[in-house]
Amino acid sequence: MELFAAVQIAEIVSTIVFSILGILILGFCWWLITKLSPFPIIKEIETDQNTSLAILIGSVFIALSIIIAAVILS
């Protein structure tokens, strides 16, 4: 019971709000990347099997996730 006594409602709500905010920012970045690229990214990855582009987009998402997490935690 001592474990649950240390958790407050404000911490739970802030965690949920910041998680939703981070997901929204990542979604916006994906939308921005697809609009700014000169070729269709999804077609290149799925149809043409462009593995290097998939790795590049994955690394961009990992970098964005680290940056967003650092901003939220600061």
PDB file of N, CA and C in Angstrom:
ATOM      1  N   MET A   1       0.811  -1.199   0.000  1.00  0.00           N
ATOM      2  CA  MET A   1       0.000   0.000   0.000  1.00  0.00           C
ATOM      3  C   MET A   1       0.857   1.267   0.000  1.00  0.00           C
ATOM      4  N   GLU A   2       2.087   1.165   0.503  1.00  0.00           N
ATOM      5  CA  GLU A   2       2.944   2.346   0.520  1.00  0.00           C
ATOM      6  C   GLU A   2       3.322   2.780  -0.889  1.00  0.00           C
ATOM      7  N   LEU A   3       3.360   1.848  -1.818  1.00  0.00           N
ATOM      8  CA  LEU A   3       3.691   2.173  -3.191  1.00  0.00           C
ATOM      9  C   LEU A   3       2.623   3.070  -3.805  1.00  0.00           C
ATOM     10  N   PHE A   4       1.370   2.752  -3.575  1.00  0.00           N
ATOM     11  CA  PHE A   4       0.275   3.547  -4.128  1.00  0.00           C
ATOM     12  C   PHE A   4       0.093   4.868  -3.396  1.00  0.00           C
ATOM     13  N   ALA A   5       0.540   4.957  -2.168  1.00  0.00           N
ATOM     14  CA  ALA A   5       0.413   6.201  -1.419  1.00  0.00           C
ATOM     15  C   ALA A   5       1.358   7.271  -1.967  1.00  0.00           C
ATOM     16  N   ALA A   6       2.467   6.854  -2.550  1.00  0.00           N
ATOM     17  CA  ALA A   6       3.448   7.809  -3.066  1.00  0.00           C
ATOM     18  C   ALA A   6       3.025   8.389  -4.420  1.00  0.00           C
ATOM     19  N   VAL A   7       2.127   7.714  -5.131  1.00  0.00           N
ATOM     20  CA  VAL A   7       1.687   8.177  -6.442  1.00  0.00           C
ATOM     21  C   VAL A   7       0.520   9.138  -6.266  1.00  0.00           C
ATOM     22  N   GLN A   8       0.641  10.294  -6.903  1.00  0.00           N
ATOM     23  CA  GLN A   8      -0.424  11.286  -6.805  1.00  0.00           C
ATOM     24  C   GLN A   8      -1.133  11.396  -8.148  1.00  0.00           C
ATOM     25  N   ILE A   9      -2.361  11.853  -8.103  1.00  0.00           N
ATOM     26  CA  ILE A   9      -3.176  11.982  -9.300  1.00  0.00           C
ATOM     27  C   ILE A   9      -2.551  12.971 -10.295  1.00  0.00           C
ATOM     28  N   ALA A  10      -1.955  14.041  -9.793  1.00  0.00           N
ATOM     29  CA  ALA A  10      -1.348  15.042 -10.681  1.00  0.00           C
ATOM     30  C   ALA A  10      -0.216  14.434 -11.513  1.00  0.00           C
ATOM     31  N   GLU A  11       0.542  13.518 -10.949  1.00  0.00           N
ATOM     32  CA  GLU A  11       1.618  12.871 -11.691  1.00  0.00           C
ATOM     33  C   GLU A  11       1.065  11.990 -12.803  1.00  0.00           C
ATOM     34  N   ILE A  12      -0.012  11.292 -12.528  1.00  0.00           N
ATOM     35  CA  ILE A  12      -0.629  10.424 -13.527  1.00  0.00           C
ATOM     36  C   ILE A  12      -1.208  11.259 -14.668  1.00  0.00           C
ATOM     37  N   VAL A  13      -1.896  12.333 -14.324  1.00  0.00           N
ATOM     38  CA  VAL A  13      -2.495  13.193 -15.348  1.00  0.00           C
ATOM     39  C   VAL A  13      -1.414  13.854 -16.199  1.00  0.00           C
ATOM     40  N   SER A  14      -0.356  14.340 -15.581  1.00  0.00           N
ATOM     41  CA  SER A  14       0.716  14.978 -16.351  1.00  0.00           C
ATOM     42  C   SER A  14       1.423  13.970 -17.256  1.00  0.00           C
ATOM     43  N   THR A  15       1.574  12.735 -16.813  1.00  0.00           N
ATOM     44  CA  THR A  15       2.175  11.707 -17.652  1.00  0.00           C
ATOM     45  C   THR A  15       1.316  11.432 -18.879  1.00  0.00           C
ATOM     46  N   ILE A  16       0.003  11.350 -18.679  1.00  0.00           N
ATOM     47  CA  ILE A  16      -0.900  11.101 -19.801  1.00  0.00           C
ATOM     48  C   ILE A  16      -0.895  12.280 -20.766  1.00  0.00           C
ATOM     49  N   VAL A  17      -0.948  13.499 -20.232  1.00  0.00           N
ATOM     50  CA  VAL A  17      -0.962  14.689 -21.087  1.00  0.00           C
ATOM     51  C   VAL A  17       0.331  14.795 -21.894  1.00  0.00           C
ATOM     52  N   PHE A  18       1.469  14.585 -21.261  1.00  0.00           N
ATOM     53  CA  PHE A  18       2.736  14.690 -21.978  1.00  0.00           C
ATOM     54  C   PHE A  18       2.911  13.554 -22.977  1.00  0.00           C
ATOM     55  N   SER A  19       2.375  12.372 -22.684  1.00  0.00           N
ATOM     56  CA  SER A  19       2.435  11.272 -23.652  1.00  0.00           C
ATOM     57  C   SER A  19       1.624  11.609 -24.894  1.00  0.00           C
ATOM     58  N   ILE A  20       0.423  12.136 -24.699  1.00  0.00           N
ATOM     59  CA  ILE A  20      -0.403  12.528 -25.835  1.00  0.00           C
ATOM     60  C   ILE A  20       0.268  13.657 -26.619  1.00  0.00           C
ATOM     61  N   LEU A  21       0.853  14.604 -25.920  1.00  0.00           N
ATOM     62  CA  LEU A  21       1.555  15.707 -26.580  1.00  0.00           C
ATOM     63  C   LEU A  21       2.724  15.191 -27.420  1.00  0.00           C
ATOM     64  N   GLY A  22       3.492  14.269 -26.886  1.00  0.00           N
ATOM     65  CA  GLY A  22       4.616  13.690 -27.627  1.00  0.00           C
ATOM     66  C   GLY A  22       4.165  12.934 -28.861  1.00  0.00           C
ATOM     67  N   ILE A  23       3.061  12.187 -28.753  1.00  0.00           N
ATOM     68  CA  ILE A  23       2.529  11.456 -29.901  1.00  0.00           C
ATOM     69  C   ILE A  23       2.039  12.421 -30.963  1.00  0.00           C
ATOM     70  N   LEU A  24       1.385  13.499 -30.547  1.00  0.00           N
ATOM     71  CA  LEU A  24       0.912  14.502 -31.505  1.00  0.00           C
ATOM     72  C   LEU A  24       2.078  15.186 -32.224  1.00  0.00           C
ATOM     73  N   ILE A  25       3.137  15.485 -31.501  1.00  0.00           N
ATOM     74  CA  ILE A  25       4.301  16.120 -32.128  1.00  0.00           C
ATOM     75  C   ILE A  25       4.963  15.168 -33.119  1.00  0.00           C
ATOM     76  N   LEU A  26       5.074  13.879 -32.760  1.00  0.00           N
ATOM     77  CA  LEU A  26       5.649  12.913 -33.694  1.00  0.00           C
ATOM     78  C   LEU A  26       4.770  12.756 -34.936  1.00  0.00           C
ATOM     79  N   GLY A  27       3.456  12.757 -34.747  1.00  0.00           N
ATOM     80  CA  GLY A  27       2.547  12.677 -35.891  1.00  0.00           C
ATOM     81  C   GLY A  27       2.682  13.883 -36.796  1.00  0.00           C
ATOM     82  N   PHE A  28       2.811  15.068 -36.200  1.00  0.00           N
ATOM     83  CA  PHE A  28       3.012  16.279 -36.989  1.00  0.00           C
ATOM     84  C   PHE A  28       4.327  16.214 -37.758  1.00  0.00           C
ATOM     85  N   CYS A  29       5.375  15.712 -37.127  1.00  0.00           N
ATOM     86  CA  CYS A  29       6.669  15.601 -37.817  1.00  0.00           C
ATOM     87  C   CYS A  29       6.585  14.613 -38.981  1.00  0.00           C
ATOM     88  N   TRP A  30       5.859  13.502 -38.806  1.00  0.00           N
ATOM     89  CA  TRP A  30       5.681  12.553 -39.904  1.00  0.00           C
ATOM     90  C   TRP A  30       4.934  13.214 -41.056  1.00  0.00           C
ATOM     91  N   TRP A  31       3.884  13.974 -40.743  1.00  0.00           N
ATOM     92  CA  TRP A  31       3.122  14.680 -41.769  1.00  0.00           C
ATOM     93  C   TRP A  31       4.017  15.681 -42.500  1.00  0.00           C
ATOM     94  N   LEU A  32       4.840  16.399 -41.738  1.00  0.00           N
ATOM     95  CA  LEU A  32       5.729  17.388 -42.326  1.00  0.00           C
ATOM     96  C   LEU A  32       6.778  16.740 -43.234  1.00  0.00           C
ATOM     97  N   ILE A  33       7.322  15.604 -42.812  1.00  0.00           N
ATOM     98  CA  ILE A  33       8.317  14.895 -43.618  1.00  0.00           C
ATOM     99  C   ILE A  33       7.696  14.413 -44.926  1.00  0.00           C
ATOM    100  N   THR A  34       6.483  13.874 -44.855  1.00  0.00           N
ATOM    101  CA  THR A  34       5.848  13.379 -46.082  1.00  0.00           C
ATOM    102  C   THR A  34       5.477  14.519 -47.029  1.00  0.00           C
ATOM    103  N   LYS A  35       5.136  15.690 -46.493  1.00  0.00           N
ATOM    104  CA  LYS A  35       4.789  16.821 -47.358  1.00  0.00           C
ATOM    105  C   LYS A  35       6.014  17.481 -47.976  1.00  0.00           C
ATOM    106  N   LEU A  36       7.131  17.492 -47.284  1.00  0.00           N
ATOM    107  CA  LEU A  36       8.332  18.156 -47.790  1.00  0.00           C
ATOM    108  C   LEU A  36       9.198  17.278 -48.686  1.00  0.00           C
ATOM    109  N   SER A  37       8.987  15.975 -48.661  1.00  0.00           N
ATOM    110  CA  SER A  37       9.827  15.101 -49.483  1.00  0.00           C
ATOM    111  C   SER A  37       9.397  15.178 -50.948  1.00  0.00           C
ATOM    112  N   PRO A  38      10.353  15.096 -51.865  1.00  0.00           N
ATOM    113  CA  PRO A  38      10.018  15.206 -53.291  1.00  0.00           C
ATOM    114  C   PRO A  38       9.434  13.919 -53.886  1.00  0.00           C
ATOM    115  N   PHE A  39       9.348  12.855 -53.112  1.00  0.00           N
ATOM    116  CA  PHE A  39       8.826  11.575 -53.596  1.00  0.00           C
ATOM    117  C   PHE A  39       7.933  10.981 -52.498  1.00  0.00           C
ATOM    118  N   PRO A  40       7.021  10.089 -52.854  1.00  0.00           N
ATOM    119  CA  PRO A  40       6.158   9.474 -51.829  1.00  0.00           C
ATOM    120  C   PRO A  40       6.939   8.477 -50.964  1.00  0.00           C
ATOM    121  N   ILE A  41       7.072   8.790 -49.696  1.00  0.00           N
ATOM    122  CA  ILE A  41       7.887   7.974 -48.791  1.00  0.00           C
ATOM    123  C   ILE A  41       7.272   6.597 -48.577  1.00  0.00           C
ATOM    124  N   ILE A  42       5.980   6.540 -48.377  1.00  0.00           N
ATOM    125  CA  ILE A  42       5.327   5.250 -48.110  1.00  0.00           C
ATOM    126  C   ILE A  42       5.461   4.319 -49.318  1.00  0.00           C
ATOM    127  N   LYS A  43       5.313   4.866 -50.530  1.00  0.00           N
ATOM    128  CA  LYS A  43       5.471   4.048 -51.732  1.00  0.00           C
ATOM    129  C   LYS A  43       6.908   3.538 -51.852  1.00  0.00           C
ATOM    130  N   GLU A  44       7.861   4.389 -51.553  1.00  0.00           N
ATOM    131  CA  GLU A  44       9.268   3.988 -51.640  1.00  0.00           C
ATOM    132  C   GLU A  44       9.582   2.851 -50.660  1.00  0.00           C
ATOM    133  N   ILE A  45       9.025   2.926 -49.456  1.00  0.00           N
ATOM    134  CA  ILE A  45       9.329   1.909 -48.448  1.00  0.00           C
ATOM    135  C   ILE A  45       8.562   0.622 -48.707  1.00  0.00           C
ATOM    136  N   GLU A  46       7.267   0.729 -48.974  1.00  0.00           N
ATOM    137  CA  GLU A  46       6.439  -0.471 -49.116  1.00  0.00           C
ATOM    138  C   GLU A  46       6.572  -1.131 -50.484  1.00  0.00           C
ATOM    139  N   THR A  47       6.409  -0.374 -51.546  1.00  0.00           N
ATOM    140  CA  THR A  47       6.380  -0.963 -52.886  1.00  0.00           C
ATOM    141  C   THR A  47       7.783  -1.221 -53.431  1.00  0.00           C
ATOM    142  N   ASP A  48       8.632  -0.212 -53.338  1.00  0.00           N
ATOM    143  CA  ASP A  48       9.979  -0.339 -53.913  1.00  0.00           C
ATOM    144  C   ASP A  48      10.979  -0.997 -52.959  1.00  0.00           C
ATOM    145  N   GLN A  49      10.564  -1.296 -51.722  1.00  0.00           N
ATOM    146  CA  GLN A  49      11.410  -1.970 -50.724  1.00  0.00           C
ATOM    147  C   GLN A  49      12.725  -1.215 -50.490  1.00  0.00           C
ATOM    148  N   ASN A  50      12.628   0.085 -50.316  1.00  0.00           N
ATOM    149  CA  ASN A  50      13.801   0.924 -50.092  1.00  0.00           C
ATOM    150  C   ASN A  50      14.173   0.840 -48.603  1.00  0.00           C
ATOM    151  N   THR A  51      15.053  -0.093 -48.281  1.00  0.00           N
ATOM    152  CA  THR A  51      15.433  -0.338 -46.891  1.00  0.00           C
ATOM    153  C   THR A  51      16.204   0.822 -46.290  1.00  0.00           C
ATOM    154  N   SER A  52      17.048   1.435 -47.077  1.00  0.00           N
ATOM    155  CA  SER A  52      17.844   2.545 -46.538  1.00  0.00           C
ATOM    156  C   SER A  52      16.966   3.730 -46.153  1.00  0.00           C
ATOM    157  N   LEU A  53      15.914   3.984 -46.919  1.00  0.00           N
ATOM    158  CA  LEU A  53      14.985   5.057 -46.560  1.00  0.00           C
ATOM    159  C   LEU A  53      14.227   4.704 -45.288  1.00  0.00           C
ATOM    160  N   ALA A  54      13.852   3.452 -45.131  1.00  0.00           N
ATOM    161  CA  ALA A  54      13.155   3.019 -43.913  1.00  0.00           C
ATOM    162  C   ALA A  54      14.052   3.181 -42.687  1.00  0.00           C
ATOM    163  N   ILE A  55      15.315   2.846 -42.830  1.00  0.00           N
ATOM    164  CA  ILE A  55      16.258   3.019 -41.717  1.00  0.00           C
ATOM    165  C   ILE A  55      16.440   4.500 -41.405  1.00  0.00           C
ATOM    166  N   LEU A  56      16.526   5.322 -42.428  1.00  0.00           N
ATOM    167  CA  LEU A  56      16.670   6.766 -42.235  1.00  0.00           C
ATOM    168  C   LEU A  56      15.458   7.358 -41.518  1.00  0.00           C
ATOM    169  N   ILE A  57      14.259   7.012 -41.946  1.00  0.00           N
ATOM    170  CA  ILE A  57      13.044   7.520 -41.306  1.00  0.00           C
ATOM    171  C   ILE A  57      12.943   6.997 -39.877  1.00  0.00           C
ATOM    172  N   GLY A  58      13.311   5.746 -39.659  1.00  0.00           N
ATOM    173  CA  GLY A  58      13.308   5.199 -38.295  1.00  0.00           C
ATOM    174  C   GLY A  58      14.275   5.927 -37.387  1.00  0.00           C
ATOM    175  N   SER A  59      15.441   6.243 -37.891  1.00  0.00           N
ATOM    176  CA  SER A  59      16.416   6.973 -37.070  1.00  0.00           C
ATOM    177  C   SER A  59      15.949   8.401 -36.790  1.00  0.00           C
ATOM    178  N   VAL A  60      15.240   9.001 -37.753  1.00  0.00           N
ATOM    179  CA  VAL A  60      14.681  10.341 -37.515  1.00  0.00           C
ATOM    180  C   VAL A  60      13.652  10.284 -36.394  1.00  0.00           C
ATOM    181  N   PHE A  61      12.799   9.249 -36.404  1.00  0.00           N
ATOM    182  CA  PHE A  61      11.804   9.116 -35.341  1.00  0.00           C
ATOM    183  C   PHE A  61      12.446   8.865 -33.980  1.00  0.00           C
ATOM    184  N   ILE A  62      13.493   8.083 -33.940  1.00  0.00           N
ATOM    185  CA  ILE A  62      14.187   7.847 -32.665  1.00  0.00           C
ATOM    186  C   ILE A  62      14.807   9.145 -32.159  1.00  0.00           C
ATOM    187  N   ALA A  63      15.427   9.902 -33.044  1.00  0.00           N
ATOM    188  CA  ALA A  63      16.026  11.182 -32.643  1.00  0.00           C
ATOM    189  C   ALA A  63      14.961  12.160 -32.167  1.00  0.00           C
ATOM    190  N   LEU A  64      13.833  12.237 -32.875  1.00  0.00           N
ATOM    191  CA  LEU A  64      12.746  13.118 -32.442  1.00  0.00           C
ATOM    192  C   LEU A  64      12.189  12.687 -31.096  1.00  0.00           C
ATOM    193  N   SER A  65      12.082  11.393 -30.884  1.00  0.00           N
ATOM    194  CA  SER A  65      11.572  10.892 -29.606  1.00  0.00           C
ATOM    195  C   SER A  65      12.499  11.272 -28.456  1.00  0.00           C
ATOM    196  N   ILE A  66      13.789  11.167 -28.677  1.00  0.00           N
ATOM    197  CA  ILE A  66      14.747  11.539 -27.633  1.00  0.00           C
ATOM    198  C   ILE A  66      14.668  13.033 -27.344  1.00  0.00           C
ATOM    199  N   ILE A  67      14.563  13.831 -28.387  1.00  0.00           N
ATOM    200  CA  ILE A  67      14.475  15.300 -28.198  1.00  0.00           C
ATOM    201  C   ILE A  67      13.186  15.665 -27.477  1.00  0.00           C
ATOM    202  N   ILE A  68      12.064  15.092 -27.882  1.00  0.00           N
ATOM    203  CA  ILE A  68      10.778  15.395 -27.236  1.00  0.00           C
ATOM    204  C   ILE A  68      10.786  14.959 -25.782  1.00  0.00           C
ATOM    205  N   ALA A  69      11.352  13.778 -25.502  1.00  0.00           N
ATOM    206  CA  ALA A  69      11.428  13.316 -24.114  1.00  0.00           C
ATOM    207  C   ALA A  69      12.300  14.222 -23.265  1.00  0.00           C
ATOM    208  N   ALA A  70      13.395  14.707 -23.822  1.00  0.00           N
ATOM    209  CA  ALA A  70      14.271  15.603 -23.068  1.00  0.00           C
ATOM    210  C   ALA A  70      13.576  16.936 -22.787  1.00  0.00           C
ATOM    211  N   VAL A  71      12.817  17.428 -23.763  1.00  0.00           N
ATOM    212  CA  VAL A  71      12.100  18.687 -23.553  1.00  0.00           C
ATOM    213  C   VAL A  71      11.015  18.527 -22.500  1.00  0.00           C
ATOM    214  N   ILE A  72      10.289  17.423 -22.561  1.00  0.00           N
ATOM    215  CA  ILE A  72       9.209  17.196 -21.602  1.00  0.00           C
ATOM    216  C   ILE A  72       9.763  17.010 -20.191  1.00  0.00           C
ATOM    217  N   LEU A  73      10.888  16.327 -20.062  1.00  0.00           N
ATOM    218  CA  LEU A  73      11.450  16.085 -18.732  1.00  0.00           C
ATOM    219  C   LEU A  73      12.142  17.291 -18.136  1.00  0.00           C
ATOM    220  N   SER A  74      12.478  18.276 -18.941  1.00  0.00           N
ATOM    221  CA  SER A  74      13.179  19.437 -18.400  1.00  0.00           C
ATOM    222  C   SER A  74      12.228  20.433 -17.783  1.00  0.00           C
TER     223      SER A  74
END
